[in-house]
Amino acid sequence: MLILLASHAYAYNAGRGRAEAACNAAALQSQVDALKRDLAAAQASERIAAGLANQARVREETLKERLSNYEQSIAGGEPDICLLGPADVDSLRGLVR
């Protein structure tokens, strides 16, 4: 009887250990899958951010060029003029469009 009880206890513990291992493996696989999804989302965000940064650099260069052209266009004006005329105001507004 004692041998039968011991064999049942051993079989129970062995089955329980395998079941726990399978459960732990499934939980770890679920975590790995979640981390892979997070990584893919982060990489997509990085690509979007790089594209936006590139667009910002292009916009900055365009605005710098427009400003430089504007500065050159008013550099030859009369030195005693202090106020900007309507055309100058419109030119300034047009720089950022």
C-alpha atoms as a PDB file:
ATOM      1  CA  MET A   1       0.000   0.000   0.000  1.00  0.00           C
ATOM      2  CA  LEU A   2       2.808   2.365   0.871  1.00  0.00           C
ATOM      3  CA  ILE A   3       4.495   1.673  -2.465  1.00  0.00           C
ATOM      4  CA  LEU A   4       1.254   2.354  -4.309  1.00  0.00           C
ATOM      5  CA  LEU A   5       0.789   5.631  -2.441  1.00  0.00           C
ATOM      6  CA  ALA A   6       4.389   6.663  -3.150  1.00  0.00           C
ATOM      7  CA  SER A   7       4.038   5.861  -6.856  1.00  0.00           C
ATOM      8  CA  HIS A   8       0.836   7.927  -7.075  1.00  0.00           C
ATOM      9  CA  ALA A   9       2.511  10.840  -5.300  1.00  0.00           C
ATOM     10  CA  TYR A  10       5.490  10.627  -7.663  1.00  0.00           C
ATOM     11  CA  ALA A  11       3.254  10.505 -10.733  1.00  0.00           C
ATOM     12  CA  TYR A  12       1.199  13.441  -9.431  1.00  0.00           C
ATOM     13  CA  ASN A  13       4.294  15.560  -8.793  1.00  0.00           C
ATOM     14  CA  ALA A  14       5.832  14.678 -12.164  1.00  0.00           C
ATOM     15  CA  GLY A  15       2.600  15.563 -13.998  1.00  0.00           C
ATOM     16  CA  ARG A  16       2.245  18.773 -12.025  1.00  0.00           C
ATOM     17  CA  GLY A  17       5.835  19.751 -12.828  1.00  0.00           C
ATOM     18  CA  ARG A  18       5.283  19.180 -16.551  1.00  0.00           C
ATOM     19  CA  ALA A  19       2.032  21.176 -16.451  1.00  0.00           C
ATOM     20  CA  GLU A  20       3.752  24.080 -14.646  1.00  0.00           C
ATOM     21  CA  ALA A  21       6.604  24.029 -17.137  1.00  0.00           C
ATOM     22  CA  ALA A  22       4.170  24.113 -20.051  1.00  0.00           C
ATOM     23  CA  CYS A  23       2.255  26.971 -18.426  1.00  0.00           C
ATOM     24  CA  ASN A  24       5.474  28.917 -17.784  1.00  0.00           C
ATOM     25  CA  ALA A  25       6.601  28.337 -21.351  1.00  0.00           C
ATOM     26  CA  ALA A  26       3.285  29.641 -22.681  1.00  0.00           C
ATOM     27  CA  ALA A  27       3.516  32.724 -20.453  1.00  0.00           C
ATOM     28  CA  LEU A  28       7.084  33.409 -21.585  1.00  0.00           C
ATOM     29  CA  GLN A  29       6.114  32.968 -25.239  1.00  0.00           C
ATOM     30  CA  SER A  30       3.288  35.449 -24.714  1.00  0.00           C
ATOM     31  CA  GLN A  31       5.773  37.954 -23.287  1.00  0.00           C
ATOM     32  CA  VAL A  32       8.157  37.393 -26.201  1.00  0.00           C
ATOM     33  CA  ASP A  33       5.320  37.990 -28.668  1.00  0.00           C
ATOM     34  CA  ALA A  34       4.339  41.215 -26.873  1.00  0.00           C
ATOM     35  CA  LEU A  35       7.960  42.406 -26.930  1.00  0.00           C
ATOM     36  CA  LYS A  36       8.206  41.674 -30.664  1.00  0.00           C
ATOM     37  CA  ARG A  37       5.058  43.745 -31.280  1.00  0.00           C
ATOM     38  CA  ASP A  38       6.468  46.583 -29.165  1.00  0.00           C
ATOM     39  CA  LEU A  39       9.746  46.448 -31.080  1.00  0.00           C
ATOM     40  CA  ALA A  40       7.948  46.587 -34.429  1.00  0.00           C
ATOM     41  CA  ALA A  41       5.916  49.598 -33.258  1.00  0.00           C
ATOM     42  CA  ALA A  42       9.046  51.359 -32.010  1.00  0.00           C
ATOM     43  CA  GLN A  43      10.824  50.736 -35.313  1.00  0.00           C
ATOM     44  CA  ALA A  44       7.847  52.101 -37.247  1.00  0.00           C
ATOM     45  CA  SER A  45       7.825  55.188 -35.019  1.00  0.00           C
ATOM     46  CA  GLU A  46      11.555  55.624 -35.606  1.00  0.00           C
ATOM     47  CA  ARG A  47      11.042  55.535 -39.382  1.00  0.00           C
ATOM     48  CA  ILE A  48       8.245  58.102 -39.141  1.00  0.00           C
ATOM     49  CA  ALA A  49      10.362  60.354 -36.906  1.00  0.00           C
ATOM     50  CA  ALA A  50      13.295  60.140 -39.321  1.00  0.00           C
ATOM     51  CA  GLY A  51      11.024  61.141 -42.190  1.00  0.00           C
ATOM     52  CA  LEU A  52       9.635  64.086 -40.233  1.00  0.00           C
ATOM     53  CA  ALA A  53      13.135  65.198 -39.251  1.00  0.00           C
ATOM     54  CA  ASN A  54      14.162  65.090 -42.901  1.00  0.00           C
ATOM     55  CA  GLN A  55      11.119  67.160 -43.881  1.00  0.00           C
ATOM     56  CA  ALA A  56      11.992  69.681 -41.165  1.00  0.00           C
ATOM     57  CA  ARG A  57      15.574  69.954 -42.464  1.00  0.00           C
ATOM     58  CA  VAL A  58      14.320  70.542 -46.009  1.00  0.00           C
ATOM     59  CA  ARG A  59      11.846  73.162 -44.765  1.00  0.00           C
ATOM     60  CA  GLU A  60      14.583  74.865 -42.754  1.00  0.00           C
ATOM     61  CA  GLU A  61      16.872  75.037 -45.774  1.00  0.00           C
ATOM     62  CA  THR A  62      14.040  76.417 -47.916  1.00  0.00           C
ATOM     63  CA  LEU A  63      13.256  79.113 -45.358  1.00  0.00           C
ATOM     64  CA  LYS A  64      16.932  80.010 -44.971  1.00  0.00           C
ATOM     65  CA  GLU A  65      17.244  80.375 -48.733  1.00  0.00           C
ATOM     66  CA  ARG A  66      14.110  82.540 -48.905  1.00  0.00           C
ATOM     67  CA  LEU A  67      15.381  84.716 -46.069  1.00  0.00           C
ATOM     68  CA  SER A  68      18.769  85.085 -47.703  1.00  0.00           C
ATOM     69  CA  ASN A  69      17.140  86.052 -51.003  1.00  0.00           C
ATOM     70  CA  TYR A  70      14.954  88.577 -49.210  1.00  0.00           C
ATOM     71  CA  GLU A  71      17.924  90.069 -47.374  1.00  0.00           C
ATOM     72  CA  GLN A  72      19.744  90.439 -50.672  1.00  0.00           C
ATOM     73  CA  SER A  73      16.710  92.047 -52.294  1.00  0.00           C
ATOM     74  CA  ILE A  74      16.464  94.765 -49.627  1.00  0.00           C
ATOM     75  CA  ALA A  75      20.212  95.253 -49.180  1.00  0.00           C
ATOM     76  CA  GLY A  76      20.422  97.533 -52.189  1.00  0.00           C
ATOM     77  CA  GLY A  77      17.693  99.877 -50.960  1.00  0.00           C
ATOM     78  CA  GLU A  78      18.146 103.472 -49.960  1.00  0.00           C
ATOM     79  CA  PRO A  79      19.998 103.732 -46.628  1.00  0.00           C
ATOM     80  CA  ASP A  80      17.798 106.498 -45.178  1.00  0.00           C
ATOM     81  CA  ILE A  81      14.525 104.537 -45.448  1.00  0.00           C
ATOM     82  CA  CYS A  82      13.427 103.250 -42.050  1.00  0.00           C
ATOM     83  CA  LEU A  83       9.919 101.881 -42.658  1.00  0.00           C
ATOM     84  CA  LEU A  84       8.938  98.860 -44.626  1.00  0.00           C
ATOM     85  CA  GLY A  85       6.473  99.369 -47.396  1.00  0.00           C
ATOM     86  CA  PRO A  86       3.445  97.161 -48.135  1.00  0.00           C
ATOM     87  CA  ALA A  87       5.443  95.145 -50.649  1.00  0.00           C
ATOM     88  CA  ASP A  88       8.094  94.471 -48.004  1.00  0.00           C
ATOM     89  CA  VAL A  89       5.486  93.307 -45.502  1.00  0.00           C
ATOM     90  CA  ASP A  90       3.954  91.001 -48.112  1.00  0.00           C
ATOM     91  CA  SER A  91       7.414  89.645 -48.919  1.00  0.00           C
ATOM     92  CA  LEU A  92       8.048  88.905 -45.262  1.00  0.00           C
ATOM     93  CA  ARG A  93       4.723  87.116 -44.950  1.00  0.00           C
ATOM     94  CA  GLY A  94       5.529  85.106 -48.062  1.00  0.00           C
ATOM     95  CA  LEU A  95       8.754  83.765 -46.549  1.00  0.00           C
ATOM     96  CA  VAL A  96       6.988  81.227 -44.349  1.00  0.00           C
ATOM     97  CA  ARG A  97       4.390  80.037 -46.823  1.00  0.00           C
END
